[in-house]
Amino acid sequence: MTDMSIPGAVVGVWGPTGDYVRSFGVADKATEAPMQTDIYSRIGSVTKTFTVTALLQLVDQGKLNLDDPISKFVPRVPAGDQITLRALAQMRSGLTTYDDVAAFADSYLADPSQSFMPAQLAAFAFDEPLQFAPGTQYSTATPTSSCWAWWWKCRAGSGCRTTSVSTSLRHFT
């Protein structure tokens, strides 16, 4: 870590035979406070990479087709019959970003520590018109991640009309 100028890191691996979660280095270079495993850290768009990798693995296994419409898996997506898994993976869906929606901003600002379910996040965006026609432009709009989370739950066979997986906003933005 020193060679790469990385002050601290948290590493976690969760598996059926146990978990490995450790912290290394410092969380704050000025105070030299040690990194903690329970630190709040925004994961950002890294989730998009994880999810698209998993999607491509399912395509390689013949379990999915990149040209499947998202409406096959997730209800209420605007133009969902025109937005393919490929368009979502390429960040070319045209979906409006929920963090640009006033109702979401009001809810989030009222309680920044609250958790949102994927369906809740998606609903903020799904009530808005598309930013552009699917496949015509590029945007890393955050509803893409919410849509993926909901899609993944559907693929897991747990049902997609309702979902009980609560996740903090920080995992999807």
C-alpha atoms as a PDB file:
ATOM      1  CA  MET A   1       0.000   0.000   0.000  1.00  0.00           C
ATOM      2  CA  THR A   2       2.842   2.360   0.802  1.00  0.00           C
ATOM      3  CA  ASP A   3       4.370   1.925  -2.670  1.00  0.00           C
ATOM      4  CA  MET A   4       1.044   2.946  -4.215  1.00  0.00           C
ATOM      5  CA  SER A   5       0.416   5.843  -1.776  1.00  0.00           C
ATOM      6  CA  ILE A   6      -2.736   4.200  -0.429  1.00  0.00           C
ATOM      7  CA  PRO A   7      -3.274   5.366   3.157  1.00  0.00           C
ATOM      8  CA  GLY A   8      -5.808   2.698   4.121  1.00  0.00           C
ATOM      9  CA  ALA A   9      -8.152   0.000   2.925  1.00  0.00           C
ATOM     10  CA  VAL A  10     -10.873  -2.339   4.085  1.00  0.00           C
ATOM     11  CA  VAL A  11     -10.906  -5.812   2.572  1.00  0.00           C
ATOM     12  CA  GLY A  12     -13.910  -8.095   2.842  1.00  0.00           C
ATOM     13  CA  VAL A  13     -14.610 -11.550   1.487  1.00  0.00           C
ATOM     14  CA  TRP A  14     -17.852 -13.275   2.471  1.00  0.00           C
ATOM     15  CA  GLY A  15     -18.319 -16.961   1.801  1.00  0.00           C
ATOM     16  CA  PRO A  16     -20.215 -20.028   2.876  1.00  0.00           C
ATOM     17  CA  THR A  17     -17.401 -21.179   5.165  1.00  0.00           C
ATOM     18  CA  GLY A  18     -16.839 -17.836   6.847  1.00  0.00           C
ATOM     19  CA  ASP A  19     -15.994 -14.204   6.398  1.00  0.00           C
ATOM     20  CA  TYR A  20     -12.719 -12.327   6.193  1.00  0.00           C
ATOM     21  CA  VAL A  21     -13.010  -8.607   6.942  1.00  0.00           C
ATOM     22  CA  ARG A  22      -9.898  -6.627   7.845  1.00  0.00           C
ATOM     23  CA  SER A  23      -8.778  -3.019   7.839  1.00  0.00           C
ATOM     24  CA  PHE A  24      -5.301  -1.771   7.072  1.00  0.00           C
ATOM     25  CA  GLY A  25      -3.587   1.596   7.326  1.00  0.00           C
ATOM     26  CA  VAL A  26      -5.180   4.883   8.322  1.00  0.00           C
ATOM     27  CA  ALA A  27      -8.563   6.468   7.597  1.00  0.00           C
ATOM     28  CA  ASP A  28      -7.252  10.006   8.005  1.00  0.00           C
ATOM     29  CA  LYS A  29      -3.682  10.919   7.122  1.00  0.00           C
ATOM     30  CA  ALA A  30      -3.800  14.125   9.188  1.00  0.00           C
ATOM     31  CA  THR A  31      -4.867  12.481  12.454  1.00  0.00           C
ATOM     32  CA  GLU A  32      -3.545   9.016  11.618  1.00  0.00           C
ATOM     33  CA  ALA A  33      -6.790   7.541  12.909  1.00  0.00           C
ATOM     34  CA  PRO A  34      -6.708   3.846  12.050  1.00  0.00           C
ATOM     35  CA  MET A  35      -8.932   2.457   9.320  1.00  0.00           C
ATOM     36  CA  GLN A  36     -11.928   0.597  10.790  1.00  0.00           C
ATOM     37  CA  THR A  37     -13.918  -2.232   9.227  1.00  0.00           C
ATOM     38  CA  ASP A  38     -17.197  -0.435   9.945  1.00  0.00           C
ATOM     39  CA  ILE A  39     -16.192   2.825   8.244  1.00  0.00           C
ATOM     40  CA  TYR A  40     -18.750   4.531   6.001  1.00  0.00           C
ATOM     41  CA  SER A  41     -17.319   4.749   2.521  1.00  0.00           C
ATOM     42  CA  ARG A  42     -19.118   5.614  -0.676  1.00  0.00           C
ATOM     43  CA  ILE A  43     -18.690   2.751  -3.128  1.00  0.00           C
ATOM     44  CA  GLY A  44     -19.706   4.860  -6.102  1.00  0.00           C
ATOM     45  CA  SER A  45     -19.919   3.436  -9.586  1.00  0.00           C
ATOM     46  CA  VAL A  46     -17.798   0.390  -8.783  1.00  0.00           C
ATOM     47  CA  THR A  47     -21.078  -1.556  -8.452  1.00  0.00           C
ATOM     48  CA  LYS A  48     -21.670  -1.079 -12.171  1.00  0.00           C
ATOM     49  CA  THR A  49     -18.472  -2.969 -12.976  1.00  0.00           C
ATOM     50  CA  PHE A  50     -19.360  -5.825 -10.624  1.00  0.00           C
ATOM     51  CA  THR A  51     -22.870  -6.144 -11.989  1.00  0.00           C
ATOM     52  CA  VAL A  52     -21.977  -5.990 -15.674  1.00  0.00           C
ATOM     53  CA  THR A  53     -19.261  -8.601 -15.100  1.00  0.00           C
ATOM     54  CA  ALA A  54     -21.845 -10.914 -13.518  1.00  0.00           C
ATOM     55  CA  LEU A  55     -24.247 -10.218 -16.398  1.00  0.00           C
ATOM     56  CA  LEU A  56     -21.592 -11.113 -18.974  1.00  0.00           C
ATOM     57  CA  GLN A  57     -20.800 -14.329 -17.101  1.00  0.00           C
ATOM     58  CA  LEU A  58     -24.489 -15.307 -17.324  1.00  0.00           C
ATOM     59  CA  VAL A  59     -24.446 -14.497 -21.042  1.00  0.00           C
ATOM     60  CA  ASP A  60     -21.339 -16.684 -21.488  1.00  0.00           C
ATOM     61  CA  GLN A  61     -23.156 -19.499 -19.662  1.00  0.00           C
ATOM     62  CA  GLY A  62     -26.099 -19.173 -22.063  1.00  0.00           C
ATOM     63  CA  LYS A  63     -28.502 -18.145 -19.297  1.00  0.00           C
ATOM     64  CA  LEU A  64     -29.226 -14.673 -20.703  1.00  0.00           C
ATOM     65  CA  ASN A  65     -29.194 -12.801 -23.949  1.00  0.00           C
ATOM     66  CA  LEU A  66     -27.871  -9.249 -24.093  1.00  0.00           C
ATOM     67  CA  ASP A  67     -30.758  -8.380 -26.393  1.00  0.00           C
ATOM     68  CA  ASP A  68     -33.423  -9.323 -23.810  1.00  0.00           C
ATOM     69  CA  PRO A  69     -35.523  -6.278 -22.918  1.00  0.00           C
ATOM     70  CA  ILE A  70     -35.381  -5.159 -19.275  1.00  0.00           C
ATOM     71  CA  SER A  71     -39.208  -5.321 -19.215  1.00  0.00           C
ATOM     72  CA  LYS A  72     -38.829  -9.109 -19.260  1.00  0.00           C
ATOM     73  CA  PHE A  73     -37.372  -8.866 -15.748  1.00  0.00           C
ATOM     74  CA  VAL A  74     -38.336  -5.532 -14.201  1.00  0.00           C
ATOM     75  CA  PRO A  75     -41.833  -4.015 -14.297  1.00  0.00           C
ATOM     76  CA  ARG A  76     -42.651  -0.343 -14.918  1.00  0.00           C
ATOM     77  CA  VAL A  77     -39.407   0.628 -16.670  1.00  0.00           C
ATOM     78  CA  PRO A  78     -40.227   3.458 -19.099  1.00  0.00           C
ATOM     79  CA  ALA A  79     -39.712   2.110 -22.637  1.00  0.00           C
ATOM     80  CA  GLY A  80     -38.682  -1.157 -20.966  1.00  0.00           C
ATOM     81  CA  ASP A  81     -39.511  -3.128 -24.101  1.00  0.00           C
ATOM     82  CA  GLN A  82     -36.945  -0.994 -25.983  1.00  0.00           C
ATOM     83  CA  ILE A  83     -34.187  -0.981 -23.341  1.00  0.00           C
ATOM     84  CA  THR A  84     -32.095  -4.140 -23.604  1.00  0.00           C
ATOM     85  CA  LEU A  85     -29.700  -5.619 -21.095  1.00  0.00           C
ATOM     86  CA  ARG A  86     -27.001  -4.579 -23.577  1.00  0.00           C
ATOM     87  CA  ALA A  87     -28.147  -0.930 -23.459  1.00  0.00           C
ATOM     88  CA  LEU A  88     -28.136  -1.026 -19.650  1.00  0.00           C
ATOM     89  CA  ALA A  89     -24.654  -2.575 -19.607  1.00  0.00           C
ATOM     90  CA  GLN A  90     -23.406   0.092 -22.017  1.00  0.00           C
ATOM     91  CA  MET A  91     -25.035   2.872 -19.933  1.00  0.00           C
ATOM     92  CA  ARG A  92     -27.166   3.750 -22.954  1.00  0.00           C
ATOM     93  CA  SER A  93     -30.660   3.167 -21.497  1.00  0.00           C
ATOM     94  CA  GLY A  94     -31.816   6.800 -21.503  1.00  0.00           C
ATOM     95  CA  LEU A  95     -33.280   6.448 -18.013  1.00  0.00           C
ATOM     96  CA  THR A  96     -33.507   9.638 -15.982  1.00  0.00           C
ATOM     97  CA  THR A  97     -31.267   9.754 -12.938  1.00  0.00           C
ATOM     98  CA  TYR A  98     -33.291   9.631  -9.722  1.00  0.00           C
ATOM     99  CA  ASP A  99     -31.003  12.043  -7.930  1.00  0.00           C
ATOM    100  CA  ASP A 100     -32.205  14.759 -10.340  1.00  0.00           C
ATOM    101  CA  VAL A 101     -35.813  14.210  -9.209  1.00  0.00           C
ATOM    102  CA  ALA A 102     -37.069  16.721  -6.623  1.00  0.00           C
ATOM    103  CA  ALA A 103     -39.076  14.099  -4.686  1.00  0.00           C
ATOM    104  CA  PHE A 104     -35.950  11.981  -4.208  1.00  0.00           C
ATOM    105  CA  ALA A 105     -33.831  14.962  -3.179  1.00  0.00           C
ATOM    106  CA  ASP A 106     -36.460  16.002  -0.632  1.00  0.00           C
ATOM    107  CA  SER A 107     -36.654  12.496   0.825  1.00  0.00           C
ATOM    108  CA  TYR A 108     -32.888  12.025   0.939  1.00  0.00           C
ATOM    109  CA  LEU A 109     -32.160  15.443   2.436  1.00  0.00           C
ATOM    110  CA  ALA A 110     -34.814  14.881   5.107  1.00  0.00           C
ATOM    111  CA  ASP A 111     -32.854  11.829   6.316  1.00  0.00           C
ATOM    112  CA  PRO A 112     -29.480  11.199   4.580  1.00  0.00           C
ATOM    113  CA  SER A 113     -28.890   8.005   6.565  1.00  0.00           C
ATOM    114  CA  GLN A 114     -32.094   6.307   5.455  1.00  0.00           C
ATOM    115  CA  SER A 115     -32.028   3.161   3.350  1.00  0.00           C
ATOM    116  CA  PHE A 116     -33.753   2.906   0.008  1.00  0.00           C
ATOM    117  CA  MET A 117     -34.864  -0.315  -1.634  1.00  0.00           C
ATOM    118  CA  PRO A 118     -33.998  -0.786  -5.320  1.00  0.00           C
ATOM    119  CA  ALA A 119     -37.673  -0.545  -6.251  1.00  0.00           C
ATOM    120  CA  GLN A 120     -37.959   2.772  -4.384  1.00  0.00           C
ATOM    121  CA  LEU A 121     -34.954   4.275  -6.141  1.00  0.00           C
ATOM    122  CA  ALA A 122     -36.147   3.049  -9.505  1.00  0.00           C
ATOM    123  CA  ALA A 123     -39.637   4.466  -8.912  1.00  0.00           C
ATOM    124  CA  PHE A 124     -38.261   7.991  -8.548  1.00  0.00           C
ATOM    125  CA  ALA A 125     -36.690   7.718 -12.005  1.00  0.00           C
ATOM    126  CA  PHE A 126     -39.422   5.641 -13.644  1.00  0.00           C
ATOM    127  CA  ASP A 127     -41.953   8.422 -13.110  1.00  0.00           C
ATOM    128  CA  GLU A 128     -39.825  10.718 -15.300  1.00  0.00           C
ATOM    129  CA  PRO A 129     -39.475  10.761 -19.098  1.00  0.00           C
ATOM    130  CA  LEU A 130     -36.382   9.249 -20.685  1.00  0.00           C
ATOM    131  CA  GLN A 131     -33.387  11.556 -21.134  1.00  0.00           C
ATOM    132  CA  PHE A 132     -32.908  10.207 -24.670  1.00  0.00           C
ATOM    133  CA  ALA A 133     -34.015   7.292 -26.846  1.00  0.00           C
ATOM    134  CA  PRO A 134     -32.434   4.001 -25.709  1.00  0.00           C
ATOM    135  CA  GLY A 135     -29.120   3.262 -27.388  1.00  0.00           C
ATOM    136  CA  THR A 136     -28.637   6.741 -28.879  1.00  0.00           C
ATOM    137  CA  GLN A 137     -26.459   8.360 -26.199  1.00  0.00           C
ATOM    138  CA  TYR A 138     -24.316   7.486 -23.187  1.00  0.00           C
ATOM    139  CA  SER A 139     -25.029   8.348 -19.541  1.00  0.00           C
ATOM    140  CA  THR A 140     -24.022   6.713 -16.276  1.00  0.00           C
ATOM    141  CA  ALA A 141     -27.348   7.718 -14.726  1.00  0.00           C
ATOM    142  CA  THR A 142     -27.878   6.099 -11.361  1.00  0.00           C
ATOM    143  CA  PRO A 143     -31.243   4.431 -12.104  1.00  0.00           C
ATOM    144  CA  THR A 144     -29.256   2.003 -14.204  1.00  0.00           C
ATOM    145  CA  SER A 145     -27.756   0.665 -10.978  1.00  0.00           C
ATOM    146  CA  SER A 146     -31.163   0.488  -9.282  1.00  0.00           C
ATOM    147  CA  CYS A 147     -32.514  -1.334 -12.288  1.00  0.00           C
ATOM    148  CA  TRP A 148     -29.612  -3.787 -12.076  1.00  0.00           C
ATOM    149  CA  ALA A 149     -30.233  -4.408  -8.387  1.00  0.00           C
ATOM    150  CA  TRP A 150     -33.876  -5.101  -9.029  1.00  0.00           C
ATOM    151  CA  TRP A 151     -33.036  -7.241 -12.076  1.00  0.00           C
ATOM    152  CA  TRP A 152     -30.534  -9.251 -10.046  1.00  0.00           C
ATOM    153  CA  LYS A 153     -33.161  -9.967  -7.392  1.00  0.00           C
ATOM    154  CA  CYS A 154     -35.530 -11.154 -10.133  1.00  0.00           C
ATOM    155  CA  ARG A 155     -32.846 -13.419 -11.606  1.00  0.00           C
ATOM    156  CA  ALA A 156     -32.223 -14.909  -8.159  1.00  0.00           C
ATOM    157  CA  GLY A 157     -35.788 -16.190  -8.215  1.00  0.00           C
ATOM    158  CA  SER A 158     -36.978 -14.186  -5.220  1.00  0.00           C
ATOM    159  CA  GLY A 159     -39.615 -12.328  -7.201  1.00  0.00           C
ATOM    160  CA  CYS A 160     -39.374  -8.844  -8.570  1.00  0.00           C
ATOM    161  CA  ARG A 161     -42.722  -7.190  -8.010  1.00  0.00           C
ATOM    162  CA  THR A 162     -41.745  -6.570  -4.401  1.00  0.00           C
ATOM    163  CA  THR A 163     -38.350  -6.806  -2.838  1.00  0.00           C
ATOM    164  CA  SER A 164     -37.142  -7.075   0.724  1.00  0.00           C
ATOM    165  CA  VAL A 165     -33.508  -6.329   0.042  1.00  0.00           C
ATOM    166  CA  SER A 166     -32.890  -2.984   1.720  1.00  0.00           C
ATOM    167  CA  THR A 167     -29.800  -1.189   0.681  1.00  0.00           C
ATOM    168  CA  SER A 168     -28.296   2.101   1.570  1.00  0.00           C
ATOM    169  CA  LEU A 169     -28.108   4.725  -1.133  1.00  0.00           C
ATOM    170  CA  ARG A 170     -24.321   4.599  -0.937  1.00  0.00           C
ATOM    171  CA  HIS A 171     -24.357   1.167  -2.589  1.00  0.00           C
ATOM    172  CA  PHE A 172     -26.105   2.430  -5.690  1.00  0.00           C
ATOM    173  CA  THR A 173     -24.619   5.825  -6.447  1.00  0.00           C
END
